Amino acid sequence: MNKRELVDAISDRLGSKKAAAEAVDAILEAIQTAVAKGDKVAITGFGSFEKADRPARTARNPATGKTIQVPATSVPKFKAGADFKNLVAGKK
C-alpha cells in the first residue's frame, strides 16, 4: 500500500479525499518532525518511531577492496508494537 492507497482507504471513513489527504500529511509531518528533533513517537498497539545514531566506521568497497571512512549519521528507527506483530503473525 502506498500513500495514495492509504488516503483512499481513509477517505471511506472520513467522507472526502481532501480531508483524508490532509490527515495523512499531518500525521506523517508530526512524526517526522518529532523524530528529527530526537523525540520518540509511540503509538500504542502500532509501534514506536525514534532517532538512532550510527557511529562513524570503516567500510570496504567490495569491487576494489579499498577501505573507506563512512561518517557518523542519524537514521529513523521503527519498532512494531505487540498488537501489530500479532496481527501480522496471524495470532489473536
PDB file of N, CA and C in Angstrom:
ATOM      1  N   MET A   1       0.850  -1.169   0.000  1.00  0.00           N
ATOM      2  CA  MET A   1       0.000   0.000   0.000  1.00  0.00           C
ATOM      3  C   MET A   1       0.902   1.240   0.000  1.00  0.00           C
ATOM      4  N   ASN A   2       0.640   2.136  -0.938  1.00  0.00           N
ATOM      5  CA  ASN A   2       1.391   3.387  -0.973  1.00  0.00           C
ATOM      6  C   ASN A   2       0.535   4.500  -0.361  1.00  0.00           C
ATOM      7  N   LYS A   3       1.072   5.712  -0.376  1.00  0.00           N
ATOM      8  CA  LYS A   3       0.379   6.839   0.268  1.00  0.00           C
ATOM      9  C   LYS A   3      -0.985   7.102  -0.363  1.00  0.00           C
ATOM     10  N   ARG A   4      -1.072   7.041  -1.673  1.00  0.00           N
ATOM     11  CA  ARG A   4      -2.353   7.290  -2.351  1.00  0.00           C
ATOM     12  C   ARG A   4      -3.392   6.253  -1.947  1.00  0.00           C
ATOM     13  N   GLU A   5      -2.995   4.993  -1.868  1.00  0.00           N
ATOM     14  CA  GLU A   5      -3.923   3.928  -1.463  1.00  0.00           C
ATOM     15  C   GLU A   5      -4.336   4.101   0.002  1.00  0.00           C
ATOM     16  N   LEU A   6      -3.431   4.572   0.831  1.00  0.00           N
ATOM     17  CA  LEU A   6      -3.762   4.836   2.232  1.00  0.00           C
ATOM     18  C   LEU A   6      -4.795   5.959   2.326  1.00  0.00           C
ATOM     19  N   VAL A   7      -4.597   7.016   1.562  1.00  0.00           N
ATOM     20  CA  VAL A   7      -5.561   8.126   1.539  1.00  0.00           C
ATOM     21  C   VAL A   7      -6.927   7.621   1.076  1.00  0.00           C
ATOM     22  N   ASP A   8      -6.948   6.787   0.052  1.00  0.00           N
ATOM     23  CA  ASP A   8      -8.218   6.232  -0.435  1.00  0.00           C
ATOM     24  C   ASP A   8      -8.918   5.406   0.639  1.00  0.00           C
ATOM     25  N   ALA A   9      -8.157   4.601   1.368  1.00  0.00           N
ATOM     26  CA  ALA A   9      -8.740   3.766   2.423  1.00  0.00           C
ATOM     27  C   ALA A   9      -9.303   4.622   3.556  1.00  0.00           C
ATOM     28  N   ILE A  10      -8.621   5.694   3.902  1.00  0.00           N
ATOM     29  CA  ILE A  10      -9.083   6.566   4.981  1.00  0.00           C
ATOM     30  C   ILE A  10     -10.248   7.444   4.522  1.00  0.00           C
ATOM     31  N   SER A  11     -10.265   7.801   3.241  1.00  0.00           N
ATOM     32  CA  SER A  11     -11.337   8.674   2.739  1.00  0.00           C
ATOM     33  C   SER A  11     -12.705   8.005   2.858  1.00  0.00           C
ATOM     34  N   ASP A  12     -12.744   6.684   2.828  1.00  0.00           N
ATOM     35  CA  ASP A  12     -14.015   5.979   3.016  1.00  0.00           C
ATOM     36  C   ASP A  12     -14.606   6.273   4.396  1.00  0.00           C
ATOM     37  N   ARG A  13     -13.753   6.421   5.403  1.00  0.00           N
ATOM     38  CA  ARG A  13     -14.212   6.694   6.765  1.00  0.00           C
ATOM     39  C   ARG A  13     -14.479   8.183   6.994  1.00  0.00           C
ATOM     40  N   LEU A  14     -13.654   9.046   6.392  1.00  0.00           N
ATOM     41  CA  LEU A  14     -13.792  10.483   6.631  1.00  0.00           C
ATOM     42  C   LEU A  14     -14.768  11.161   5.686  1.00  0.00           C
ATOM     43  N   GLY A  15     -15.051  10.539   4.559  1.00  0.00           N
ATOM     44  CA  GLY A  15     -16.032  11.095   3.642  1.00  0.00           C
ATOM     45  C   GLY A  15     -15.464  11.891   2.487  1.00  0.00           C
ATOM     46  N   SER A  16     -14.205  12.335   2.586  1.00  0.00           N
ATOM     47  CA  SER A  16     -13.630  13.070   1.455  1.00  0.00           C
ATOM     48  C   SER A  16     -12.142  12.772   1.341  1.00  0.00           C
ATOM     49  N   LYS A  17     -11.683  12.758   0.100  1.00  0.00           N
ATOM     50  CA  LYS A  17     -10.261  12.502  -0.135  1.00  0.00           C
ATOM     51  C   LYS A  17      -9.404  13.653   0.356  1.00  0.00           C
ATOM     52  N   LYS A  18      -9.920  14.877   0.259  1.00  0.00           N
ATOM     53  CA  LYS A  18      -9.150  16.037   0.703  1.00  0.00           C
ATOM     54  C   LYS A  18      -8.878  15.963   2.200  1.00  0.00           C
ATOM     55  N   ALA A  19      -9.902  15.637   2.982  1.00  0.00           N
ATOM     56  CA  ALA A  19      -9.738  15.528   4.435  1.00  0.00           C
ATOM     57  C   ALA A  19      -8.789  14.380   4.779  1.00  0.00           C
ATOM     58  N   ALA A  20      -8.905  13.281   4.051  1.00  0.00           N
ATOM     59  CA  ALA A  20      -8.038  12.128   4.304  1.00  0.00           C
ATOM     60  C   ALA A  20      -6.587  12.462   3.968  1.00  0.00           C
ATOM     61  N   ALA A  21      -6.363  13.148   2.853  1.00  0.00           N
ATOM     62  CA  ALA A  21      -5.004  13.515   2.458  1.00  0.00           C
ATOM     63  C   ALA A  21      -4.387  14.462   3.475  1.00  0.00           C
ATOM     64  N   GLU A  22      -5.187  15.427   3.966  1.00  0.00           N
ATOM     65  CA  GLU A  22      -4.694  16.359   4.981  1.00  0.00           C
ATOM     66  C   GLU A  22      -4.367  15.635   6.277  1.00  0.00           C
ATOM     67  N   ALA A  23      -5.192  14.668   6.652  1.00  0.00           N
ATOM     68  CA  ALA A  23      -4.953  13.908   7.878  1.00  0.00           C
ATOM     69  C   ALA A  23      -3.671  13.083   7.772  1.00  0.00           C
ATOM     70  N   VAL A  24      -3.492  12.397   6.650  1.00  0.00           N
ATOM     71  CA  VAL A  24      -2.284  11.584   6.455  1.00  0.00           C
ATOM     72  C   VAL A  24      -1.045  12.473   6.449  1.00  0.00           C
ATOM     73  N   ASP A  25      -1.114  13.593   5.733  1.00  0.00           N
ATOM     74  CA  ASP A  25       0.024  14.514   5.682  1.00  0.00           C
ATOM     75  C   ASP A  25       0.352  15.069   7.063  1.00  0.00           C
ATOM     76  N   ALA A  26      -0.672  15.424   7.831  1.00  0.00           N
ATOM     77  CA  ALA A  26      -0.459  15.979   9.170  1.00  0.00           C
ATOM     78  C   ALA A  26       0.188  14.955  10.100  1.00  0.00           C
ATOM     79  N   ILE A  27      -0.276  13.719  10.042  1.00  0.00           N
ATOM     80  CA  ILE A  27       0.290  12.666  10.893  1.00  0.00           C
ATOM     81  C   ILE A  27       1.742  12.405  10.524  1.00  0.00           C
ATOM     82  N   LEU A  28       2.016  12.261   9.239  1.00  0.00           N
ATOM     83  CA  LEU A  28       3.385  11.984   8.802  1.00  0.00           C
ATOM     84  C   LEU A  28       4.321  13.139   9.139  1.00  0.00           C
ATOM     85  N   GLU A  29       3.859  14.370   8.954  1.00  0.00           N
ATOM     86  CA  GLU A  29       4.689  15.537   9.263  1.00  0.00           C
ATOM     87  C   GLU A  29       4.992  15.613  10.759  1.00  0.00           C
ATOM     88  N   ALA A  30       3.987  15.335  11.585  1.00  0.00           N
ATOM     89  CA  ALA A  30       4.188  15.381  13.032  1.00  0.00           C
ATOM     90  C   ALA A  30       5.190  14.316  13.479  1.00  0.00           C
ATOM     91  N   ILE A  31       5.078  13.113  12.940  1.00  0.00           N
ATOM     92  CA  ILE A  31       6.017  12.041  13.288  1.00  0.00           C
ATOM     93  C   ILE A  31       7.418  12.394  12.828  1.00  0.00           C
ATOM     94  N   GLN A  32       7.567  12.840  11.583  1.00  0.00           N
ATOM     95  CA  GLN A  32       8.886  13.173  11.042  1.00  0.00           C
ATOM     96  C   GLN A  32       9.544  14.301  11.813  1.00  0.00           C
ATOM     97  N   THR A  33       8.792  15.337  12.153  1.00  0.00           N
ATOM     98  CA  THR A  33       9.345  16.482  12.883  1.00  0.00           C
ATOM     99  C   THR A  33       9.814  16.061  14.276  1.00  0.00           C
ATOM    100  N   ALA A  34       8.988  15.287  14.964  1.00  0.00           N
ATOM    101  CA  ALA A  34       9.337  14.850  16.314  1.00  0.00           C
ATOM    102  C   ALA A  34      10.577  13.952  16.313  1.00  0.00           C
ATOM    103  N   VAL A  35      10.634  13.002  15.394  1.00  0.00           N
ATOM    104  CA  VAL A  35      11.776  12.083  15.328  1.00  0.00           C
ATOM    105  C   VAL A  35      13.044  12.836  14.935  1.00  0.00           C
ATOM    106  N   ALA A  36      12.944  13.784  14.022  1.00  0.00           N
ATOM    107  CA  ALA A  36      14.107  14.570  13.605  1.00  0.00           C
ATOM    108  C   ALA A  36      14.677  15.365  14.780  1.00  0.00           C
ATOM    109  N   LYS A  37      13.802  15.809  15.704  1.00  0.00           N
ATOM    110  CA  LYS A  37      14.262  16.541  16.887  1.00  0.00           C
ATOM    111  C   LYS A  37      14.870  15.611  17.930  1.00  0.00           C
ATOM    112  N   GLY A  38      14.672  14.314  17.770  1.00  0.00           N
ATOM    113  CA  GLY A  38      15.201  13.353  18.732  1.00  0.00           C
ATOM    114  C   GLY A  38      14.164  12.804  19.687  1.00  0.00           C
ATOM    115  N   ASP A  39      12.905  13.197  19.505  1.00  0.00           N
ATOM    116  CA  ASP A  39      11.826  12.689  20.353  1.00  0.00           C
ATOM    117  C   ASP A  39      11.382  11.313  19.883  1.00  0.00           C
ATOM    118  N   LYS A  40      10.865  10.529  20.826  1.00  0.00           N
ATOM    119  CA  LYS A  40      10.315   9.217  20.494  1.00  0.00           C
ATOM    120  C   LYS A  40       8.810   9.366  20.311  1.00  0.00           C
ATOM    121  N   VAL A  41       8.271   8.788  19.241  1.00  0.00           N
ATOM    122  CA  VAL A  41       6.833   8.813  18.978  1.00  0.00           C
ATOM    123  C   VAL A  41       6.318   7.388  19.139  1.00  0.00           C
ATOM    124  N   ALA A  42       5.471   7.183  20.151  1.00  0.00           N
ATOM    125  CA  ALA A  42       4.928   5.849  20.416  1.00  0.00           C
ATOM    126  C   ALA A  42       3.423   5.866  20.189  1.00  0.00           C
ATOM    127  N   ILE A  43       2.951   4.961  19.343  1.00  0.00           N
ATOM    128  CA  ILE A  43       1.525   4.817  19.075  1.00  0.00           C
ATOM    129  C   ILE A  43       1.125   3.442  19.617  1.00  0.00           C
ATOM    130  N   THR A  44       0.372   3.453  20.703  1.00  0.00           N
ATOM    131  CA  THR A  44       0.013   2.223  21.402  1.00  0.00           C
ATOM    132  C   THR A  44      -0.655   1.238  20.448  1.00  0.00           C
ATOM    133  N   GLY A  45      -0.167   0.011  20.447  1.00  0.00           N
ATOM    134  CA  GLY A  45      -0.722  -1.044  19.608  1.00  0.00           C
ATOM    135  C   GLY A  45      -0.142  -1.076  18.208  1.00  0.00           C
ATOM    136  N   PHE A  46       0.526  -0.009  17.797  1.00  0.00           N
ATOM    137  CA  PHE A  46       1.096   0.048  16.452  1.00  0.00           C
ATOM    138  C   PHE A  46       2.612  -0.065  16.497  1.00  0.00           C
ATOM    139  N   GLY A  47       3.254   0.848  17.220  1.00  0.00           N
ATOM    140  CA  GLY A  47       4.703   0.802  17.307  1.00  0.00           C
ATOM    141  C   GLY A  47       5.283   2.140  17.703  1.00  0.00           C
ATOM    142  N   SER A  48       6.615   2.234  17.644  1.00  0.00           N
ATOM    143  CA  SER A  48       7.277   3.473  18.022  1.00  0.00           C
ATOM    144  C   SER A  48       8.336   3.847  16.990  1.00  0.00           C
ATOM    145  N   PHE A  49       8.477   5.139  16.821  1.00  0.00           N
ATOM    146  CA  PHE A  49       9.467   5.710  15.921  1.00  0.00           C
ATOM    147  C   PHE A  49      10.467   6.473  16.772  1.00  0.00           C
ATOM    148  N   GLU A  50      11.762   6.341  16.462  1.00  0.00           N
ATOM    149  CA  GLU A  50      12.759   7.114  17.170  1.00  0.00           C
ATOM    150  C   GLU A  50      13.986   7.329  16.307  1.00  0.00           C
ATOM    151  N   LYS A  51      14.820   8.244  16.756  1.00  0.00           N
ATOM    152  CA  LYS A  51      16.048   8.581  16.043  1.00  0.00           C
ATOM    153  C   LYS A  51      17.173   7.703  16.599  1.00  0.00           C
ATOM    154  N   ALA A  52      17.919   7.067  15.697  1.00  0.00           N
ATOM    155  CA  ALA A  52      19.049   6.228  16.095  1.00  0.00           C
ATOM    156  C   ALA A  52      20.325   6.828  15.515  1.00  0.00           C
ATOM    157  N   ASP A  53      21.352   6.904  16.334  1.00  0.00           N
ATOM    158  CA  ASP A  53      22.637   7.441  15.883  1.00  0.00           C
ATOM    159  C   ASP A  53      23.560   6.297  15.502  1.00  0.00           C
ATOM    160  N   ARG A  54      24.122   6.383  14.316  1.00  0.00           N
ATOM    161  CA  ARG A  54      25.089   5.383  13.848  1.00  0.00           C
ATOM    162  C   ARG A  54      26.480   6.014  13.928  1.00  0.00           C
ATOM    163  N   PRO A  55      27.412   5.329  14.564  1.00  0.00           N
ATOM    164  CA  PRO A  55      28.759   5.894  14.685  1.00  0.00           C
ATOM    165  C   PRO A  55      29.519   5.822  13.355  1.00  0.00           C
ATOM    166  N   ALA A  56      30.584   6.603  13.275  1.00  0.00           N
ATOM    167  CA  ALA A  56      31.459   6.538  12.095  1.00  0.00           C
ATOM    168  C   ALA A  56      32.104   5.154  12.071  1.00  0.00           C
ATOM    169  N   ARG A  57      32.403   4.682  10.878  1.00  0.00           N
ATOM    170  CA  ARG A  57      33.008   3.350  10.770  1.00  0.00           C
ATOM    171  C   ARG A  57      33.852   3.255   9.519  1.00  0.00           C
ATOM    172  N   THR A  58      34.647   2.200   9.456  1.00  0.00           N
ATOM    173  CA  THR A  58      35.446   1.910   8.273  1.00  0.00           C
ATOM    174  C   THR A  58      34.745   0.812   7.497  1.00  0.00           C
ATOM    175  N   ALA A  59      34.581   1.010   6.199  1.00  0.00           N
ATOM    176  CA  ALA A  59      33.927   0.020   5.338  1.00  0.00           C
ATOM    177  C   ALA A  59      34.871  -0.326   4.196  1.00  0.00           C
ATOM    178  N   ARG A  60      34.498  -1.347   3.453  1.00  0.00           N
ATOM    179  CA  ARG A  60      35.330  -1.779   2.338  1.00  0.00           C
ATOM    180  C   ARG A  60      34.502  -1.816   1.062  1.00  0.00           C
ATOM    181  N   ASN A  61      35.036  -1.226   0.001  1.00  0.00           N
ATOM    182  CA  ASN A  61      34.394  -1.280  -1.306  1.00  0.00           C
ATOM    183  C   ASN A  61      34.591  -2.699  -1.840  1.00  0.00           C
ATOM    184  N   PRO A  62      33.521  -3.461  -2.043  1.00  0.00           N
ATOM    185  CA  PRO A  62      33.673  -4.848  -2.478  1.00  0.00           C
ATOM    186  C   PRO A  62      34.270  -4.990  -3.880  1.00  0.00           C
ATOM    187  N   ALA A  63      34.092  -3.985  -4.725  1.00  0.00           N
ATOM    188  CA  ALA A  63      34.615  -4.069  -6.089  1.00  0.00           C
ATOM    189  C   ALA A  63      36.128  -3.871  -6.132  1.00  0.00           C
ATOM    190  N   THR A  64      36.625  -2.933  -5.316  1.00  0.00           N
ATOM    191  CA  THR A  64      38.062  -2.618  -5.375  1.00  0.00           C
ATOM    192  C   THR A  64      38.840  -3.131  -4.180  1.00  0.00           C
ATOM    193  N   GLY A  65      38.128  -3.413  -3.080  1.00  0.00           N
ATOM    194  CA  GLY A  65      38.802  -3.846  -1.868  1.00  0.00           C
ATOM    195  C   GLY A  65      39.365  -2.684  -1.064  1.00  0.00           C
ATOM    196  N   LYS A  66      39.189  -1.464  -1.546  1.00  0.00           N
ATOM    197  CA  LYS A  66      39.717  -0.281  -0.875  1.00  0.00           C
ATOM    198  C   LYS A  66      38.854   0.064   0.341  1.00  0.00           C
ATOM    199  N   THR A  67      39.501   0.455   1.449  1.00  0.00           N
ATOM    200  CA  THR A  67      38.748   0.853   2.631  1.00  0.00           C
ATOM    201  C   THR A  67      38.358   2.324   2.511  1.00  0.00           C
ATOM    202  N   ILE A  68      37.171   2.624   3.040  1.00  0.00           N
ATOM    203  CA  ILE A  68      36.669   3.994   3.038  1.00  0.00           C
ATOM    204  C   ILE A  68      36.122   4.315   4.424  1.00  0.00           C
ATOM    205  N   GLN A  69      36.091   5.591   4.759  1.00  0.00           N
ATOM    206  CA  GLN A  69      35.518   6.032   6.024  1.00  0.00           C
ATOM    207  C   GLN A  69      34.068   6.453   5.795  1.00  0.00           C
ATOM    208  N   VAL A  70      33.173   5.853   6.565  1.00  0.00           N
ATOM    209  CA  VAL A  70      31.761   6.208   6.500  1.00  0.00           C
ATOM    210  C   VAL A  70      31.487   7.123   7.689  1.00  0.00           C
ATOM    211  N   PRO A  71      30.979   8.336   7.456  1.00  0.00           N
ATOM    212  CA  PRO A  71      30.768   9.278   8.555  1.00  0.00           C
ATOM    213  C   PRO A  71      29.611   8.861   9.467  1.00  0.00           C
ATOM    214  N   ALA A  72      29.606   9.393  10.680  1.00  0.00           N
ATOM    215  CA  ALA A  72      28.506   9.156  11.613  1.00  0.00           C
ATOM    216  C   ALA A  72      27.242   9.785  11.036  1.00  0.00           C
ATOM    217  N   THR A  73      26.106   9.185  11.326  1.00  0.00           N
ATOM    218  CA  THR A  73      24.839   9.695  10.807  1.00  0.00           C
ATOM    219  C   THR A  73      23.701   9.323  11.750  1.00  0.00           C
ATOM    220  N   SER A  74      22.563   9.945  11.559  1.00  0.00           N
ATOM    221  CA  SER A  74      21.353   9.615  12.307  1.00  0.00           C
ATOM    222  C   SER A  74      20.326   9.067  11.326  1.00  0.00           C
ATOM    223  N   VAL A  75      19.610   8.032  11.755  1.00  0.00           N
ATOM    224  CA  VAL A  75      18.601   7.402  10.908  1.00  0.00           C
ATOM    225  C   VAL A  75      17.317   7.188  11.706  1.00  0.00           C
ATOM    226  N   PRO A  76      16.157   7.163  11.031  1.00  0.00           N
ATOM    227  CA  PRO A  76      14.918   6.846  11.740  1.00  0.00           C
ATOM    228  C   PRO A  76      14.839   5.340  11.997  1.00  0.00           C
ATOM    229  N   LYS A  77      14.232   4.991  13.135  1.00  0.00           N
ATOM    230  CA  LYS A  77      14.107   3.583  13.506  1.00  0.00           C
ATOM    231  C   LYS A  77      12.651   3.332  13.916  1.00  0.00           C
ATOM    232  N   PHE A  78      12.100   2.202  13.483  1.00  0.00           N
ATOM    233  CA  PHE A  78      10.728   1.835  13.836  1.00  0.00           C
ATOM    234  C   PHE A  78      10.739   0.482  14.518  1.00  0.00           C
ATOM    235  N   LYS A  79       9.993   0.380  15.607  1.00  0.00           N
ATOM    236  CA  LYS A  79       9.840  -0.897  16.296  1.00  0.00           C
ATOM    237  C   LYS A  79       8.343  -1.180  16.396  1.00  0.00           C
ATOM    238  N   ALA A  80       7.909  -2.293  15.826  1.00  0.00           N
ATOM    239  CA  ALA A  80       6.490  -2.657  15.828  1.00  0.00           C
ATOM    240  C   ALA A  80       6.029  -3.005  17.230  1.00  0.00           C
ATOM    241  N   GLY A  81       4.792  -2.624  17.545  1.00  0.00           N
ATOM    242  CA  GLY A  81       4.187  -2.953  18.830  1.00  0.00           C
ATOM    243  C   GLY A  81       3.673  -4.379  18.842  1.00  0.00           C
ATOM    244  N   ALA A  82       3.345  -4.858  20.028  1.00  0.00           N
ATOM    245  CA  ALA A  82       2.909  -6.242  20.200  1.00  0.00           C
ATOM    246  C   ALA A  82       1.638  -6.551  19.408  1.00  0.00           C
ATOM    247  N   ASP A  83       0.652  -5.654  19.441  1.00  0.00           N
ATOM    248  CA  ASP A  83      -0.603  -5.894  18.709  1.00  0.00           C
ATOM    249  C   ASP A  83      -0.356  -5.992  17.207  1.00  0.00           C
ATOM    250  N   PHE A  84       0.511  -5.112  16.677  1.00  0.00           N
ATOM    251  CA  PHE A  84       0.839  -5.118  15.255  1.00  0.00           C
ATOM    252  C   PHE A  84       1.564  -6.410  14.890  1.00  0.00           C
ATOM    253  N   LYS A  85       2.514  -6.830  15.723  1.00  0.00           N
ATOM    254  CA  LYS A  85       3.253  -8.079  15.469  1.00  0.00           C
ATOM    255  C   LYS A  85       2.303  -9.276  15.452  1.00  0.00           C
ATOM    256  N   ASN A  86       1.374  -9.309  16.418  1.00  0.00           N
ATOM    257  CA  ASN A  86       0.435 -10.419  16.473  1.00  0.00           C
ATOM    258  C   ASN A  86      -0.513 -10.444  15.276  1.00  0.00           C
ATOM    259  N   LEU A  87      -0.935  -9.290  14.811  1.00  0.00           N
ATOM    260  CA  LEU A  87      -1.803  -9.207  13.644  1.00  0.00           C
ATOM    261  C   LEU A  87      -1.081  -9.744  12.404  1.00  0.00           C
ATOM    262  N   VAL A  88       0.167  -9.343  12.222  1.00  0.00           N
ATOM    263  CA  VAL A  88       0.930  -9.793  11.062  1.00  0.00           C
ATOM    264  C   VAL A  88       1.202 -11.296  11.147  1.00  0.00           C
ATOM    265  N   ALA A  89       1.442 -11.798  12.363  1.00  0.00           N
ATOM    266  CA  ALA A  89       1.730 -13.215  12.552  1.00  0.00           C
ATOM    267  C   ALA A  89       0.476 -14.088  12.469  1.00  0.00           C
ATOM    268  N   GLY A  90      -0.701 -13.459  12.445  1.00  0.00           N
ATOM    269  CA  GLY A  90      -1.938 -14.217  12.357  1.00  0.00           C
ATOM    270  C   GLY A  90      -2.439 -14.708  13.710  1.00  0.00           C
ATOM    271  N   LYS A  91      -1.869 -14.159  14.792  1.00  0.00           N
ATOM    272  CA  LYS A  91      -2.322 -14.528  16.141  1.00  0.00           C
ATOM    273  C   LYS A  91      -3.404 -13.577  16.569  1.00  0.00           C
ATOM    274  N   LYS A  92      -4.210 -14.014  17.532  1.00  0.00           N
ATOM    275  CA  LYS A  92      -5.285 -13.142  18.035  1.00  0.00           C
ATOM    276  C   LYS A  92      -4.901 -12.511  19.329  1.00  0.00           C
TER     277      LYS A  92
END
